[in-house]
Amino acid sequence: MDQAMKAIERRVHLDRSYDIPYLAGYSLDGHMVFIDRHMPKGFAYRGKRIKTDRFLIVHEAVEKSLIQLLGMRYLTAHQIALHAEQAAVRAEGIEWKAYDDFMQEYVKAVGDERLNRVPETLDLTPYRDFHDAEELREMGKHFVKVKPVKPKHKVFIAGL
């Protein structure tokens, strides 16, 4: 699983400088994963510091790929991505409950904050699929420019 996570990390950029509802998201083109600027980069687990960005990157990259390449609806893609995230967490010897408890603590905190800096390239599909009209209106008030990044890889789909 470690090799799979590293392969995904090599293919996407990470930006932690914006306000992202529900902790993390991805750009419209899928080349950038956004993690909320207030989200800690890790947590203490059994006397060790566990970095969590890589697990969120796996989740977001899998989810975006399933939506963009296979045309899945957000909720279906999210469930599959959640299983990939769980597998990555467990492969590191971390109990899912400990990891999830840590994440849920920050989902609530981030969800309650005012959105002041939302990247204009954030893919809004998850919020639309949740029919979160109020969240969409609030985000729209706070879009900020995003510096373009060069993709880390070329997308290749055999047969196309």
C-alpha atoms as a PDB file:
ATOM      1  CA  MET A   1       0.000   0.000   0.000  1.00  0.00           C
ATOM      2  CA  ASP A   2       2.942   2.296   0.680  1.00  0.00           C
ATOM      3  CA  GLN A   3       3.983   2.146  -2.989  1.00  0.00           C
ATOM      4  CA  ALA A   4       0.434   2.938  -4.121  1.00  0.00           C
ATOM      5  CA  MET A   5       0.267   5.979  -1.827  1.00  0.00           C
ATOM      6  CA  LYS A   6       3.648   7.224  -3.052  1.00  0.00           C
ATOM      7  CA  ALA A   7       2.577   6.763  -6.677  1.00  0.00           C
ATOM      8  CA  ILE A   8      -0.503   8.910  -6.076  1.00  0.00           C
ATOM      9  CA  GLU A   9       1.490  11.543  -4.157  1.00  0.00           C
ATOM     10  CA  ARG A  10       3.933  11.819  -7.085  1.00  0.00           C
ATOM     11  CA  ARG A  11       1.069  12.628  -9.454  1.00  0.00           C
ATOM     12  CA  VAL A  12      -0.778  15.395  -7.612  1.00  0.00           C
ATOM     13  CA  HIS A  13       0.111  18.727  -6.097  1.00  0.00           C
ATOM     14  CA  LEU A  14      -0.938  19.488  -2.516  1.00  0.00           C
ATOM     15  CA  ASP A  15      -2.079  22.903  -1.325  1.00  0.00           C
ATOM     16  CA  ARG A  16      -2.922  23.643   2.325  1.00  0.00           C
ATOM     17  CA  SER A  17      -3.477  27.383   2.039  1.00  0.00           C
ATOM     18  CA  TYR A  18      -7.263  27.550   1.625  1.00  0.00           C
ATOM     19  CA  ASP A  19     -10.491  26.961   3.533  1.00  0.00           C
ATOM     20  CA  ILE A  20     -11.951  23.647   2.337  1.00  0.00           C
ATOM     21  CA  PRO A  21     -15.323  22.436   3.643  1.00  0.00           C
ATOM     22  CA  TYR A  22     -15.249  18.828   4.880  1.00  0.00           C
ATOM     23  CA  LEU A  23     -11.432  19.007   5.207  1.00  0.00           C
ATOM     24  CA  ALA A  24     -10.251  18.184   1.698  1.00  0.00           C
ATOM     25  CA  GLY A  25     -11.122  18.438  -1.972  1.00  0.00           C
ATOM     26  CA  TYR A  26      -9.614  18.549  -5.431  1.00  0.00           C
ATOM     27  CA  SER A  27      -9.293  20.902  -8.364  1.00  0.00           C
ATOM     28  CA  LEU A  28     -11.493  20.706 -11.418  1.00  0.00           C
ATOM     29  CA  ASP A  29      -8.653  19.225 -13.455  1.00  0.00           C
ATOM     30  CA  GLY A  30      -7.690  16.752 -10.708  1.00  0.00           C
ATOM     31  CA  HIS A  31      -4.047  17.839 -10.565  1.00  0.00           C
ATOM     32  CA  MET A  32      -4.352  19.535  -7.149  1.00  0.00           C
ATOM     33  CA  VAL A  33      -5.562  18.190  -3.821  1.00  0.00           C
ATOM     34  CA  PHE A  34      -6.595  20.844  -1.317  1.00  0.00           C
ATOM     35  CA  ILE A  35      -6.480  20.188   2.427  1.00  0.00           C
ATOM     36  CA  ASP A  36      -7.980  22.785   4.740  1.00  0.00           C
ATOM     37  CA  ARG A  37      -5.410  25.230   6.083  1.00  0.00           C
ATOM     38  CA  HIS A  38      -6.550  24.630   9.666  1.00  0.00           C
ATOM     39  CA  MET A  39      -6.257  20.856   9.509  1.00  0.00           C
ATOM     40  CA  PRO A  40      -3.276  19.600  11.509  1.00  0.00           C
ATOM     41  CA  LYS A  41      -0.761  17.603   9.472  1.00  0.00           C
ATOM     42  CA  GLY A  42      -0.878  14.697  11.874  1.00  0.00           C
ATOM     43  CA  PHE A  43      -1.862  13.278  15.237  1.00  0.00           C
ATOM     44  CA  ALA A  44      -0.309  11.348  18.097  1.00  0.00           C
ATOM     45  CA  TYR A  45      -0.948   7.624  18.010  1.00  0.00           C
ATOM     46  CA  ARG A  46       0.635   5.155  20.438  1.00  0.00           C
ATOM     47  CA  GLY A  47       3.533   7.477  21.142  1.00  0.00           C
ATOM     48  CA  LYS A  48       4.230   8.253  17.480  1.00  0.00           C
ATOM     49  CA  ARG A  49       3.360  11.212  15.270  1.00  0.00           C
ATOM     50  CA  ILE A  50       1.229  10.034  12.324  1.00  0.00           C
ATOM     51  CA  LYS A  51       1.202  12.251   9.235  1.00  0.00           C
ATOM     52  CA  THR A  52      -2.287  12.273   7.750  1.00  0.00           C
ATOM     53  CA  ASP A  53      -2.003  14.234   4.490  1.00  0.00           C
ATOM     54  CA  ARG A  54      -1.118  11.127   2.486  1.00  0.00           C
ATOM     55  CA  PHE A  55      -4.314   9.360   3.535  1.00  0.00           C
ATOM     56  CA  LEU A  56      -6.443  12.346   2.535  1.00  0.00           C
ATOM     57  CA  ILE A  57      -4.554  12.571  -0.771  1.00  0.00           C
ATOM     58  CA  VAL A  58      -5.351   8.909  -1.500  1.00  0.00           C
ATOM     59  CA  HIS A  59      -9.027   9.483  -0.730  1.00  0.00           C
ATOM     60  CA  GLU A  60      -9.320  12.611  -2.857  1.00  0.00           C
ATOM     61  CA  ALA A  61      -7.339  11.222  -5.814  1.00  0.00           C
ATOM     62  CA  VAL A  62      -9.354   7.984  -5.918  1.00  0.00           C
ATOM     63  CA  GLU A  63     -12.641   9.861  -5.600  1.00  0.00           C
ATOM     64  CA  LYS A  64     -11.810  12.370  -8.345  1.00  0.00           C
ATOM     65  CA  SER A  65     -10.547   9.626 -10.666  1.00  0.00           C
ATOM     66  CA  LEU A  66     -13.740   7.609 -10.311  1.00  0.00           C
ATOM     67  CA  ILE A  67     -15.920  10.652 -10.966  1.00  0.00           C
ATOM     68  CA  GLN A  68     -13.879  12.054 -13.818  1.00  0.00           C
ATOM     69  CA  LEU A  69     -12.786   8.893 -15.609  1.00  0.00           C
ATOM     70  CA  LEU A  70     -15.624   6.477 -14.906  1.00  0.00           C
ATOM     71  CA  GLY A  71     -18.496   8.950 -14.581  1.00  0.00           C
ATOM     72  CA  MET A  72     -19.517   7.756 -11.119  1.00  0.00           C
ATOM     73  CA  ARG A  73     -21.762   9.844  -8.904  1.00  0.00           C
ATOM     74  CA  TYR A  74     -20.034  11.505  -5.992  1.00  0.00           C
ATOM     75  CA  LEU A  75     -21.563   9.391  -3.221  1.00  0.00           C
ATOM     76  CA  THR A  76     -20.560   6.113  -4.886  1.00  0.00           C
ATOM     77  CA  ALA A  77     -17.043   7.375  -5.632  1.00  0.00           C
ATOM     78  CA  HIS A  78     -16.781   8.680  -2.067  1.00  0.00           C
ATOM     79  CA  GLN A  79     -17.626   5.277  -0.576  1.00  0.00           C
ATOM     80  CA  ILE A  80     -14.971   3.551  -2.683  1.00  0.00           C
ATOM     81  CA  ALA A  81     -12.429   6.285  -1.846  1.00  0.00           C
ATOM     82  CA  LEU A  82     -13.246   5.885   1.843  1.00  0.00           C
ATOM     83  CA  HIS A  83     -12.418   2.173   1.605  1.00  0.00           C
ATOM     84  CA  ALA A  84      -9.106   3.025  -0.097  1.00  0.00           C
ATOM     85  CA  GLU A  85      -8.353   5.517   2.677  1.00  0.00           C
ATOM     86  CA  GLN A  86      -9.212   2.915   5.324  1.00  0.00           C
ATOM     87  CA  ALA A  87      -6.953   0.349   3.665  1.00  0.00           C
ATOM     88  CA  ALA A  88      -4.092   2.862   3.574  1.00  0.00           C
ATOM     89  CA  VAL A  89      -4.563   3.753   7.246  1.00  0.00           C
ATOM     90  CA  ARG A  90      -4.743   0.114   8.350  1.00  0.00           C
ATOM     91  CA  ALA A  91      -1.725  -0.824   6.206  1.00  0.00           C
ATOM     92  CA  GLU A  92       0.289   1.623   8.330  1.00  0.00           C
ATOM     93  CA  GLY A  93      -0.777  -0.237  11.487  1.00  0.00           C
ATOM     94  CA  ILE A  94      -3.160   2.498  12.610  1.00  0.00           C
ATOM     95  CA  GLU A  95      -6.574   1.655  14.003  1.00  0.00           C
ATOM     96  CA  TRP A  96      -9.270   3.154  11.801  1.00  0.00           C
ATOM     97  CA  LYS A  97     -11.273   4.335  14.810  1.00  0.00           C
ATOM     98  CA  ALA A  98      -8.346   6.384  16.172  1.00  0.00           C
ATOM     99  CA  TYR A  99      -7.732   7.975  12.773  1.00  0.00           C
ATOM    100  CA  ASP A 100     -11.421   8.595  12.092  1.00  0.00           C
ATOM    101  CA  ASP A 101     -12.006  10.077  15.559  1.00  0.00           C
ATOM    102  CA  PHE A 102      -9.169  12.531  14.899  1.00  0.00           C
ATOM    103  CA  MET A 103     -10.581  13.446  11.481  1.00  0.00           C
ATOM    104  CA  GLN A 104     -14.144  13.855  12.726  1.00  0.00           C
ATOM    105  CA  GLU A 105     -12.954  16.271  15.380  1.00  0.00           C
ATOM    106  CA  TYR A 106     -11.642  18.556  12.651  1.00  0.00           C
ATOM    107  CA  VAL A 107     -14.471  18.032  10.177  1.00  0.00           C
ATOM    108  CA  LYS A 108     -16.760  19.662  12.718  1.00  0.00           C
ATOM    109  CA  ALA A 109     -14.338  22.460  13.561  1.00  0.00           C
ATOM    110  CA  VAL A 110     -13.618  23.268   9.939  1.00  0.00           C
ATOM    111  CA  GLY A 111     -17.277  22.950   8.984  1.00  0.00           C
ATOM    112  CA  ASP A 112     -18.202  25.508  11.620  1.00  0.00           C
ATOM    113  CA  GLU A 113     -15.661  28.121  10.576  1.00  0.00           C
ATOM    114  CA  ARG A 114     -16.293  30.970   8.189  1.00  0.00           C
ATOM    115  CA  LEU A 115     -15.014  30.349   4.701  1.00  0.00           C
ATOM    116  CA  ASN A 116     -12.658  33.196   3.899  1.00  0.00           C
ATOM    117  CA  ARG A 117     -10.357  31.698   1.239  1.00  0.00           C
ATOM    118  CA  VAL A 118     -11.883  29.130  -1.121  1.00  0.00           C
ATOM    119  CA  PRO A 119      -9.842  28.228  -4.226  1.00  0.00           C
ATOM    120  CA  GLU A 120     -11.695  29.173  -7.401  1.00  0.00           C
ATOM    121  CA  THR A 121     -10.588  25.881  -8.991  1.00  0.00           C
ATOM    122  CA  LEU A 122     -12.140  23.696  -6.272  1.00  0.00           C
ATOM    123  CA  ASP A 123     -14.364  21.044  -7.864  1.00  0.00           C
ATOM    124  CA  LEU A 124     -17.820  21.679  -6.436  1.00  0.00           C
ATOM    125  CA  THR A 125     -19.271  18.314  -7.499  1.00  0.00           C
ATOM    126  CA  PRO A 126     -19.316  16.898  -3.929  1.00  0.00           C
ATOM    127  CA  TYR A 127     -21.203  19.925  -2.602  1.00  0.00           C
ATOM    128  CA  ARG A 128     -23.674  19.869  -5.486  1.00  0.00           C
ATOM    129  CA  ASP A 129     -24.304  16.161  -5.018  1.00  0.00           C
ATOM    130  CA  PHE A 130     -24.985  16.788  -1.331  1.00  0.00           C
ATOM    131  CA  HIS A 131     -27.429  19.486  -2.435  1.00  0.00           C
ATOM    132  CA  ASP A 132     -25.649  21.826  -0.045  1.00  0.00           C
ATOM    133  CA  ALA A 133     -26.977  25.062  -1.577  1.00  0.00           C
ATOM    134  CA  GLU A 134     -26.134  27.174   1.478  1.00  0.00           C
ATOM    135  CA  GLU A 135     -22.537  25.903   1.521  1.00  0.00           C
ATOM    136  CA  LEU A 136     -22.245  26.613  -2.226  1.00  0.00           C
ATOM    137  CA  ARG A 137     -23.549  30.174  -1.792  1.00  0.00           C
ATOM    138  CA  GLU A 138     -21.141  30.802   1.065  1.00  0.00           C
ATOM    139  CA  MET A 139     -18.183  29.380  -0.846  1.00  0.00           C
ATOM    140  CA  GLY A 140     -19.014  31.487  -3.889  1.00  0.00           C
ATOM    141  CA  LYS A 141     -18.636  34.656  -1.832  1.00  0.00           C
ATOM    142  CA  HIS A 142     -15.053  33.792  -0.948  1.00  0.00           C
ATOM    143  CA  PHE A 143     -13.418  32.436  -4.094  1.00  0.00           C
ATOM    144  CA  VAL A 144      -9.797  33.498  -4.494  1.00  0.00           C
ATOM    145  CA  LYS A 145      -7.421  33.132  -7.425  1.00  0.00           C
ATOM    146  CA  VAL A 146      -5.239  30.049  -7.546  1.00  0.00           C
ATOM    147  CA  LYS A 147      -1.765  30.126  -9.001  1.00  0.00           C
ATOM    148  CA  PRO A 148      -1.734  27.653 -11.908  1.00  0.00           C
ATOM    149  CA  VAL A 149       0.496  24.605 -11.497  1.00  0.00           C
ATOM    150  CA  LYS A 150       2.097  22.446 -14.120  1.00  0.00           C
ATOM    151  CA  PRO A 151       0.630  18.917 -14.020  1.00  0.00           C
ATOM    152  CA  LYS A 152       3.041  16.355 -12.580  1.00  0.00           C
ATOM    153  CA  HIS A 153       1.943  13.780 -15.159  1.00  0.00           C
ATOM    154  CA  LYS A 154       0.164  13.411 -18.481  1.00  0.00           C
ATOM    155  CA  VAL A 155      -3.196  11.751 -18.399  1.00  0.00           C
ATOM    156  CA  PHE A 156      -3.257   8.752 -20.733  1.00  0.00           C
ATOM    157  CA  ILE A 157      -6.345   6.698 -21.381  1.00  0.00           C
ATOM    158  CA  ALA A 158      -5.725   3.765 -23.707  1.00  0.00           C
ATOM    159  CA  GLY A 159      -7.971   3.730 -26.734  1.00  0.00           C
ATOM    160  CA  LEU A 160      -8.836   7.419 -26.600  1.00  0.00           C
END
